């Protein structure tokens, strides 16, 4: 229900913007479409990979690898996968929801999403170029450690510990 309200509000605001300045609104819509076109290939690849993974791995296998009973091994594994994966946030959260529905544990998904958002193994060369080697390594290491703090807190709150 709230989704329809948000879409309705967005449409209403778009109409107001269009009435106020047609040229700027159309330019913004064109930029949004270009951004969508740029993100679409990554989005489709991730959805395809998750779909194939969910088709190959049944909920029992997912649960044994990164489920609640996998413990800290599952948390570490999920954190490592998250650290080396480059997925935008708008894809990461639906992916996490699908994994949870198929048997993944909350602590493990907390570590996965935390490292996915904060640790950038793939982006290290770019970070080194702009921030330097020492700061890049320090930032990524602290973010990786912090993901375990996040997983632990999630475990306390949800009851996984």
C-alpha atoms as a PDB file:
ATOM      1  CA  UNK A   1       0.000   0.000   0.000  1.00  0.00           C
ATOM      2  CA  UNK A   2       2.732   2.475   0.945  1.00  0.00           C
ATOM      3  CA  UNK A   3       4.506   1.702  -2.339  1.00  0.00           C
ATOM      4  CA  UNK A   4       1.504   2.983  -4.281  1.00  0.00           C
ATOM      5  CA  UNK A   5       1.482   6.135  -2.166  1.00  0.00           C
ATOM      6  CA  UNK A   6       5.164   6.770  -2.884  1.00  0.00           C
ATOM      7  CA  UNK A   7       4.703   6.182  -6.630  1.00  0.00           C
ATOM      8  CA  UNK A   8       1.679   8.473  -6.623  1.00  0.00           C
ATOM      9  CA  UNK A   9       3.610  11.166  -4.773  1.00  0.00           C
ATOM     10  CA  UNK A  10       6.531  10.860  -7.211  1.00  0.00           C
ATOM     11  CA  UNK A  11       4.152  11.158 -10.189  1.00  0.00           C
ATOM     12  CA  UNK A  12       2.441  14.173  -8.636  1.00  0.00           C
ATOM     13  CA  UNK A  13       5.758  15.920  -7.977  1.00  0.00           C
ATOM     14  CA  UNK A  14       6.897  15.115 -11.514  1.00  0.00           C
ATOM     15  CA  UNK A  15       3.737  16.733 -12.887  1.00  0.00           C
ATOM     16  CA  UNK A  16       4.276  19.811 -10.711  1.00  0.00           C
ATOM     17  CA  UNK A  17       7.869  20.028 -11.926  1.00  0.00           C
ATOM     18  CA  UNK A  18       6.726  19.655 -15.544  1.00  0.00           C
ATOM     19  CA  UNK A  19       4.186  22.452 -15.184  1.00  0.00           C
ATOM     20  CA  UNK A  20       6.758  24.690 -13.516  1.00  0.00           C
ATOM     21  CA  UNK A  21       9.582  24.151 -16.045  1.00  0.00           C
ATOM     22  CA  UNK A  22       9.053  21.729 -18.943  1.00  0.00           C
ATOM     23  CA  UNK A  23      12.586  22.031 -20.293  1.00  0.00           C
ATOM     24  CA  UNK A  24      14.346  21.242 -16.989  1.00  0.00           C
ATOM     25  CA  UNK A  25      11.975  18.375 -16.231  1.00  0.00           C
ATOM     26  CA  UNK A  26      12.552  16.778 -19.615  1.00  0.00           C
ATOM     27  CA  UNK A  27      16.306  17.222 -19.232  1.00  0.00           C
ATOM     28  CA  UNK A  28      16.148  15.553 -15.798  1.00  0.00           C
ATOM     29  CA  UNK A  29      14.115  12.661 -17.209  1.00  0.00           C
ATOM     30  CA  UNK A  30      16.668  12.186 -20.002  1.00  0.00           C
ATOM     31  CA  UNK A  31      19.519  12.118 -17.462  1.00  0.00           C
ATOM     32  CA  UNK A  32      17.595   9.632 -15.323  1.00  0.00           C
ATOM     33  CA  UNK A  33      17.031   7.405 -18.366  1.00  0.00           C
ATOM     34  CA  UNK A  34      20.753   7.513 -19.232  1.00  0.00           C
ATOM     35  CA  UNK A  35      21.630   6.546 -15.642  1.00  0.00           C
ATOM     36  CA  UNK A  36      19.137   3.698 -15.837  1.00  0.00           C
ATOM     37  CA  UNK A  37      20.664   2.497 -19.106  1.00  0.00           C
ATOM     38  CA  UNK A  38      24.141   2.567 -17.547  1.00  0.00           C
ATOM     39  CA  UNK A  39      23.081   0.608 -14.462  1.00  0.00           C
ATOM     40  CA  UNK A  40      20.798  -1.887 -16.238  1.00  0.00           C
ATOM     41  CA  UNK A  41      23.536  -4.304 -17.459  1.00  0.00           C
ATOM     42  CA  UNK A  42      25.022  -4.625 -13.947  1.00  0.00           C
ATOM     43  CA  UNK A  43      21.576  -5.022 -12.453  1.00  0.00           C
ATOM     44  CA  UNK A  44      20.587  -7.750 -14.915  1.00  0.00           C
ATOM     45  CA  UNK A  45      23.854  -9.663 -14.408  1.00  0.00           C
ATOM     46  CA  UNK A  46      23.445  -9.642 -10.626  1.00  0.00           C
ATOM     47  CA  UNK A  47      19.794 -10.699 -10.834  1.00  0.00           C
ATOM     48  CA  UNK A  48      20.773 -13.447 -13.279  1.00  0.00           C
ATOM     49  CA  UNK A  49      23.583 -14.689 -11.019  1.00  0.00           C
ATOM     50  CA  UNK A  50      21.345 -14.675  -7.938  1.00  0.00           C
ATOM     51  CA  UNK A  51      18.601 -16.454  -9.889  1.00  0.00           C
ATOM     52  CA  UNK A  52      21.005 -19.139 -11.103  1.00  0.00           C
ATOM     53  CA  UNK A  53      22.444 -19.500  -7.609  1.00  0.00           C
ATOM     54  CA  UNK A  54      18.971 -19.883  -6.091  1.00  0.00           C
ATOM     55  CA  UNK A  55      18.052 -22.405  -8.800  1.00  0.00           C
ATOM     56  CA  UNK A  56      21.193 -24.485  -8.233  1.00  0.00           C
ATOM     57  CA  UNK A  57      21.412 -24.144  -4.472  1.00  0.00           C
ATOM     58  CA  UNK A  58      18.291 -25.191  -2.634  1.00  0.00           C
ATOM     59  CA  UNK A  59      17.377 -23.516   0.679  1.00  0.00           C
ATOM     60  CA  UNK A  60      19.018 -26.311   2.667  1.00  0.00           C
ATOM     61  CA  UNK A  61      22.381 -25.760   0.971  1.00  0.00           C
ATOM     62  CA  UNK A  62      22.160 -21.974   1.393  1.00  0.00           C
ATOM     63  CA  UNK A  63      21.229 -22.509   5.039  1.00  0.00           C
ATOM     64  CA  UNK A  64      24.201 -24.815   5.608  1.00  0.00           C
ATOM     65  CA  UNK A  65      26.648 -22.385   3.978  1.00  0.00           C
ATOM     66  CA  UNK A  66      25.411 -19.013   5.286  1.00  0.00           C
ATOM     67  CA  UNK A  67      22.457 -19.995   7.442  1.00  0.00           C
ATOM     68  CA  UNK A  68      21.921 -19.294  11.118  1.00  0.00           C
ATOM     69  CA  UNK A  69      23.595 -22.580  12.076  1.00  0.00           C
ATOM     70  CA  UNK A  70      26.729 -21.858  10.016  1.00  0.00           C
ATOM     71  CA  UNK A  71      27.900 -19.595  12.846  1.00  0.00           C
ATOM     72  CA  UNK A  72      30.940 -17.384  12.510  1.00  0.00           C
ATOM     73  CA  UNK A  73      32.254 -19.451   9.586  1.00  0.00           C
ATOM     74  CA  UNK A  74      29.177 -18.396   7.619  1.00  0.00           C
ATOM     75  CA  UNK A  75      29.606 -14.790   8.756  1.00  0.00           C
ATOM     76  CA  UNK A  76      33.246 -14.762   7.601  1.00  0.00           C
ATOM     77  CA  UNK A  77      32.327 -16.386   4.283  1.00  0.00           C
ATOM     78  CA  UNK A  78      29.486 -13.905   3.686  1.00  0.00           C
ATOM     79  CA  UNK A  79      31.791 -10.996   4.613  1.00  0.00           C
ATOM     80  CA  UNK A  80      34.463 -12.175   2.171  1.00  0.00           C
ATOM     81  CA  UNK A  81      31.927 -12.553  -0.653  1.00  0.00           C
ATOM     82  CA  UNK A  82      30.524  -9.102   0.118  1.00  0.00           C
ATOM     83  CA  UNK A  83      33.990  -7.539   0.186  1.00  0.00           C
ATOM     84  CA  UNK A  84      34.938  -8.772  -3.284  1.00  0.00           C
ATOM     85  CA  UNK A  85      31.543  -8.198  -4.911  1.00  0.00           C
ATOM     86  CA  UNK A  86      30.621  -4.928  -6.585  1.00  0.00           C
ATOM     87  CA  UNK A  87      26.849  -4.550  -6.399  1.00  0.00           C
ATOM     88  CA  UNK A  88      24.932  -1.276  -6.072  1.00  0.00           C
ATOM     89  CA  UNK A  89      22.797  -0.839  -2.958  1.00  0.00           C
ATOM     90  CA  UNK A  90      19.497  -0.954  -4.781  1.00  0.00           C
ATOM     91  CA  UNK A  91      20.412  -4.478  -5.926  1.00  0.00           C
ATOM     92  CA  UNK A  92      22.091  -5.586  -2.698  1.00  0.00           C
ATOM     93  CA  UNK A  93      19.060  -5.235  -0.453  1.00  0.00           C
ATOM     94  CA  UNK A  94      16.632  -7.216  -2.639  1.00  0.00           C
ATOM     95  CA  UNK A  95      19.383  -9.830  -3.033  1.00  0.00           C
ATOM     96  CA  UNK A  96      19.756 -10.002   0.743  1.00  0.00           C
ATOM     97  CA  UNK A  97      15.991 -10.409   1.102  1.00  0.00           C
ATOM     98  CA  UNK A  98      15.990 -13.293  -1.401  1.00  0.00           C
ATOM     99  CA  UNK A  99      18.845 -14.981   0.455  1.00  0.00           C
ATOM    100  CA  UNK A 100      17.036 -14.568   3.790  1.00  0.00           C
ATOM    101  CA  UNK A 101      13.877 -16.092   2.316  1.00  0.00           C
ATOM    102  CA  UNK A 102      15.961 -19.046   1.140  1.00  0.00           C
ATOM    103  CA  UNK A 103      17.581 -19.884   4.449  1.00  0.00           C
ATOM    104  CA  UNK A 104      20.432 -17.425   5.011  1.00  0.00           C
ATOM    105  CA  UNK A 105      20.989 -16.174   8.561  1.00  0.00           C
ATOM    106  CA  UNK A 106      20.557 -12.587   9.701  1.00  0.00           C
ATOM    107  CA  UNK A 107      24.113 -12.265  11.037  1.00  0.00           C
ATOM    108  CA  UNK A 108      25.522 -13.628   7.802  1.00  0.00           C
ATOM    109  CA  UNK A 109      23.428 -11.270   5.670  1.00  0.00           C
ATOM    110  CA  UNK A 110      24.378  -8.375   7.962  1.00  0.00           C
ATOM    111  CA  UNK A 111      28.066  -9.102   7.343  1.00  0.00           C
ATOM    112  CA  UNK A 112      27.457  -9.574   3.611  1.00  0.00           C
ATOM    113  CA  UNK A 113      25.592  -6.289   3.148  1.00  0.00           C
ATOM    114  CA  UNK A 114      27.985  -4.370   5.430  1.00  0.00           C
ATOM    115  CA  UNK A 115      31.076  -5.447   3.522  1.00  0.00           C
ATOM    116  CA  UNK A 116      29.259  -5.041   0.224  1.00  0.00           C
ATOM    117  CA  UNK A 117      28.522  -1.398   1.000  1.00  0.00           C
ATOM    118  CA  UNK A 118      31.695  -0.467   2.891  1.00  0.00           C
ATOM    119  CA  UNK A 119      34.584  -2.625   1.632  1.00  0.00           C
ATOM    120  CA  UNK A 120      35.751  -2.204  -1.935  1.00  0.00           C
ATOM    121  CA  UNK A 121      38.311  -4.787  -2.971  1.00  0.00           C
ATOM    122  CA  UNK A 122      37.408  -4.212  -6.625  1.00  0.00           C
ATOM    123  CA  UNK A 123      37.689  -0.438  -6.266  1.00  0.00           C
ATOM    124  CA  UNK A 124      41.021  -0.446  -4.368  1.00  0.00           C
ATOM    125  CA  UNK A 125      43.096   0.746  -7.371  1.00  0.00           C
ATOM    126  CA  UNK A 126      40.859   3.792  -7.832  1.00  0.00           C
ATOM    127  CA  UNK A 127      40.867   4.541  -4.089  1.00  0.00           C
ATOM    128  CA  UNK A 128      44.670   4.282  -3.950  1.00  0.00           C
ATOM    129  CA  UNK A 129      44.915   6.738  -6.827  1.00  0.00           C
ATOM    130  CA  UNK A 130      42.834   9.365  -4.988  1.00  0.00           C
ATOM    131  CA  UNK A 131      43.415   8.636  -1.280  1.00  0.00           C
ATOM    132  CA  UNK A 132      46.764   6.878  -1.171  1.00  0.00           C
ATOM    133  CA  UNK A 133      47.688   3.309  -0.322  1.00  0.00           C
ATOM    134  CA  UNK A 134      47.835   3.675   3.460  1.00  0.00           C
ATOM    135  CA  UNK A 135      44.432   5.353   3.835  1.00  0.00           C
ATOM    136  CA  UNK A 136      42.767   2.937   1.394  1.00  0.00           C
ATOM    137  CA  UNK A 137      44.056  -0.133   3.223  1.00  0.00           C
ATOM    138  CA  UNK A 138      43.165   1.360   6.613  1.00  0.00           C
ATOM    139  CA  UNK A 139      39.657   2.312   5.515  1.00  0.00           C
ATOM    140  CA  UNK A 140      38.929  -1.077   3.966  1.00  0.00           C
ATOM    141  CA  UNK A 141      40.391  -2.992   6.928  1.00  0.00           C
ATOM    142  CA  UNK A 142      38.386  -0.972   9.462  1.00  0.00           C
ATOM    143  CA  UNK A 143      35.225  -1.363   7.378  1.00  0.00           C
ATOM    144  CA  UNK A 144      35.800  -5.123   7.161  1.00  0.00           C
ATOM    145  CA  UNK A 145      36.236  -5.388  10.944  1.00  0.00           C
ATOM    146  CA  UNK A 146      33.217  -3.157  11.523  1.00  0.00           C
ATOM    147  CA  UNK A 147      31.088  -5.530   9.428  1.00  0.00           C
ATOM    148  CA  UNK A 148      31.641  -8.176  12.115  1.00  0.00           C
ATOM    149  CA  UNK A 149      30.522  -5.705  14.766  1.00  0.00           C
ATOM    150  CA  UNK A 150      27.371  -5.119  12.696  1.00  0.00           C
ATOM    151  CA  UNK A 151      26.819  -8.876  12.340  1.00  0.00           C
ATOM    152  CA  UNK A 152      27.284  -9.376  16.094  1.00  0.00           C
ATOM    153  CA  UNK A 153      24.802  -6.612  16.952  1.00  0.00           C
ATOM    154  CA  UNK A 154      22.294  -8.040  14.476  1.00  0.00           C
ATOM    155  CA  UNK A 155      22.807 -11.430  16.114  1.00  0.00           C
ATOM    156  CA  UNK A 156      22.079  -9.930  19.540  1.00  0.00           C
ATOM    157  CA  UNK A 157      18.988  -8.071  18.342  1.00  0.00           C
ATOM    158  CA  UNK A 158      17.490 -10.830  16.195  1.00  0.00           C
ATOM    159  CA  UNK A 159      18.567 -13.613  18.513  1.00  0.00           C
ATOM    160  CA  UNK A 160      21.061 -15.399  16.306  1.00  0.00           C
ATOM    161  CA  UNK A 161      23.620 -15.552  19.125  1.00  0.00           C
END
